[in-house]
Amino acid sequence: MLVDDEEDIVLSITASLEHNGFEVDGFTDPRLALEHFTKGKYVMVIIDIRMPEIDGFELYEKLEELDQNVKVCFITAFDFNYLALREIYPTLNFGSFIRKPIETTELVNKIRMELG
């Protein structure tokens, strides 16, 4: 699953990942992504951190309540303070953080690494 509020990013990343053999459901609305999420359906969710209404961390928390086994990779165009995030989300399994603009090779390698 890929969730980013920018449609062009969802289309671009989805096409790149599908070209590399992954199946991707892309969403530009985090609420819609949450509605379509079911336990065991996804092994990984790639989430943009800054989105309107539900940010990436809030979405992560809601998804974690539904399926504690899903792996998460965050994407962002902004800098952030890992230590501050640890204080706010002490139990957050950070997985991978990928900075935009995203290079396909880097994203594919990080996904494969996270999935083992």
Protein backbone atom coordinates (compact mmCIF):
# COMPACT_ATOMS: atom_id res chain seq x y z
CA MET A 1 0.00 0.00 0.00
CA LEU A 2 1.21 3.50 -0.85
CA VAL A 3 -0.35 6.60 0.70
CA ASP A 4 0.66 10.11 -0.39
CA ASP A 5 -1.59 13.13 -0.87
CA GLU A 6 0.11 14.05 -4.15
CA GLU A 7 -1.44 12.12 -7.04
CA ASP A 8 1.60 12.44 -9.32
CA ILE A 9 3.82 10.88 -6.65
CA VAL A 10 1.39 8.00 -6.11
CA LEU A 11 1.23 7.35 -9.86
CA SER A 12 5.00 7.59 -10.31
CA ILE A 13 5.96 5.39 -7.35
CA THR A 14 3.24 2.87 -8.13
CA ALA A 15 4.44 2.52 -11.73
CA SER A 16 8.07 2.18 -10.61
CA LEU A 17 7.29 -0.45 -8.00
CA GLU A 18 5.01 -2.43 -10.29
CA HIS A 19 7.77 -2.36 -12.93
CA ASN A 20 10.00 -3.98 -10.27
CA GLY A 21 7.53 -6.77 -9.54
CA PHE A 22 5.56 -5.37 -6.60
CA GLU A 23 1.77 -5.20 -6.36
CA VAL A 24 0.71 -1.74 -5.19
CA ASP A 25 -2.56 -0.17 -4.10
CA GLY A 26 -2.05 3.60 -4.16
CA PHE A 27 -4.14 6.15 -2.28
CA THR A 28 -4.09 9.94 -2.16
CA ASP A 29 -6.51 10.08 0.76
CA PRO A 30 -5.33 8.53 4.04
CA ARG A 31 -8.94 8.01 5.19
CA LEU A 32 -9.69 6.00 2.05
CA ALA A 33 -6.50 3.99 2.54
CA LEU A 34 -7.60 3.22 6.10
CA GLU A 35 -11.03 2.10 4.86
CA HIS A 36 -9.41 -0.33 2.39
CA PHE A 37 -6.84 -1.68 4.84
CA THR A 38 -7.48 -5.15 6.22
CA LYS A 39 -5.29 -7.27 8.44
CA GLY A 40 -2.96 -9.52 6.49
CA LYS A 41 -3.68 -7.93 3.10
CA TYR A 42 -0.52 -5.82 3.00
CA VAL A 43 3.00 -6.73 4.09
CA MET A 44 4.19 -3.12 3.79
CA VAL A 45 2.70 0.34 3.77
CA ILE A 46 4.62 3.32 2.40
CA ILE A 47 3.29 6.50 3.98
CA ASP A 48 4.00 10.18 3.33
CA ILE A 49 4.54 11.96 6.64
CA ARG A 50 2.87 15.27 5.83
CA MET A 51 -0.69 14.93 4.63
CA PRO A 52 -3.81 16.96 5.40
CA GLU A 53 -6.34 15.77 7.97
CA ILE A 54 -4.46 12.56 8.91
CA ASP A 55 -0.67 12.81 8.89
CA GLY A 56 1.55 9.82 8.24
CA PHE A 57 2.22 9.09 11.90
CA GLU A 58 -1.48 9.18 12.81
CA LEU A 59 -2.21 6.84 9.91
CA TYR A 60 0.59 4.55 11.08
CA GLU A 61 -0.94 4.37 14.57
CA LYS A 62 -4.36 3.49 13.16
CA LEU A 63 -2.90 0.82 10.86
CA GLU A 64 -0.82 -0.60 13.71
CA GLU A 65 -4.03 -1.08 15.72
CA LEU A 66 -5.44 -3.14 12.84
CA ASP A 67 -2.32 -5.18 12.01
CA GLN A 68 0.79 -5.18 14.19
CA ASN A 69 2.72 -7.22 11.63
CA VAL A 70 2.56 -4.74 8.75
CA LYS A 71 5.89 -3.08 7.98
CA VAL A 72 5.99 0.67 7.42
CA CYS A 73 8.24 2.88 5.36
CA PHE A 74 7.86 6.65 5.68
CA ILE A 75 8.57 9.10 2.86
CA THR A 76 9.04 12.83 3.25
CA ALA A 77 10.38 15.89 1.50
CA PHE A 78 11.14 17.53 4.84
CA ASP A 79 13.80 17.19 7.50
CA PHE A 80 12.73 15.98 10.91
CA ASN A 81 14.27 15.28 14.26
CA TYR A 82 14.46 11.53 14.98
CA LEU A 83 15.00 12.11 18.71
CA ALA A 84 11.91 14.30 18.97
CA LEU A 85 9.91 11.69 17.10
CA ARG A 86 11.11 9.01 19.53
CA GLU A 87 9.79 11.11 22.41
CA ILE A 88 6.39 11.58 20.75
CA TYR A 89 6.13 8.00 19.46
CA PRO A 90 8.23 5.86 21.83
CA THR A 91 6.86 2.56 20.52
CA LEU A 92 6.99 3.49 16.85
CA ASN A 93 8.76 0.93 14.72
CA PHE A 94 10.44 3.38 12.41
CA GLY A 95 11.44 0.95 9.68
CA SER A 96 12.82 3.02 6.85
CA PHE A 97 12.62 6.69 6.13
CA ILE A 98 13.08 7.76 2.52
CA ARG A 99 13.58 11.32 1.44
CA LYS A 100 11.80 12.79 -1.58
CA PRO A 101 12.56 13.00 -4.43
CA ILE A 102 12.65 9.22 -4.38
CA GLU A 103 15.02 7.24 -6.52
CA THR A 104 13.45 3.95 -7.59
CA THR A 105 16.55 1.87 -6.94
CA GLU A 106 16.83 3.19 -3.38
CA LEU A 107 13.15 2.58 -2.68
CA VAL A 108 13.21 -0.95 -4.11
CA ASN A 109 16.34 -1.79 -2.10
CA LYS A 110 14.84 -0.45 1.14
CA ILE A 111 11.61 -2.36 0.60
CA ARG A 112 13.45 -5.59 -0.10
CA MET A 113 15.62 -5.04 2.96
CA GLU A 114 12.59 -4.43 5.19
CA LEU A 115 10.77 -7.45 3.82
CA GLY A 116 13.84 -9.66 4.29
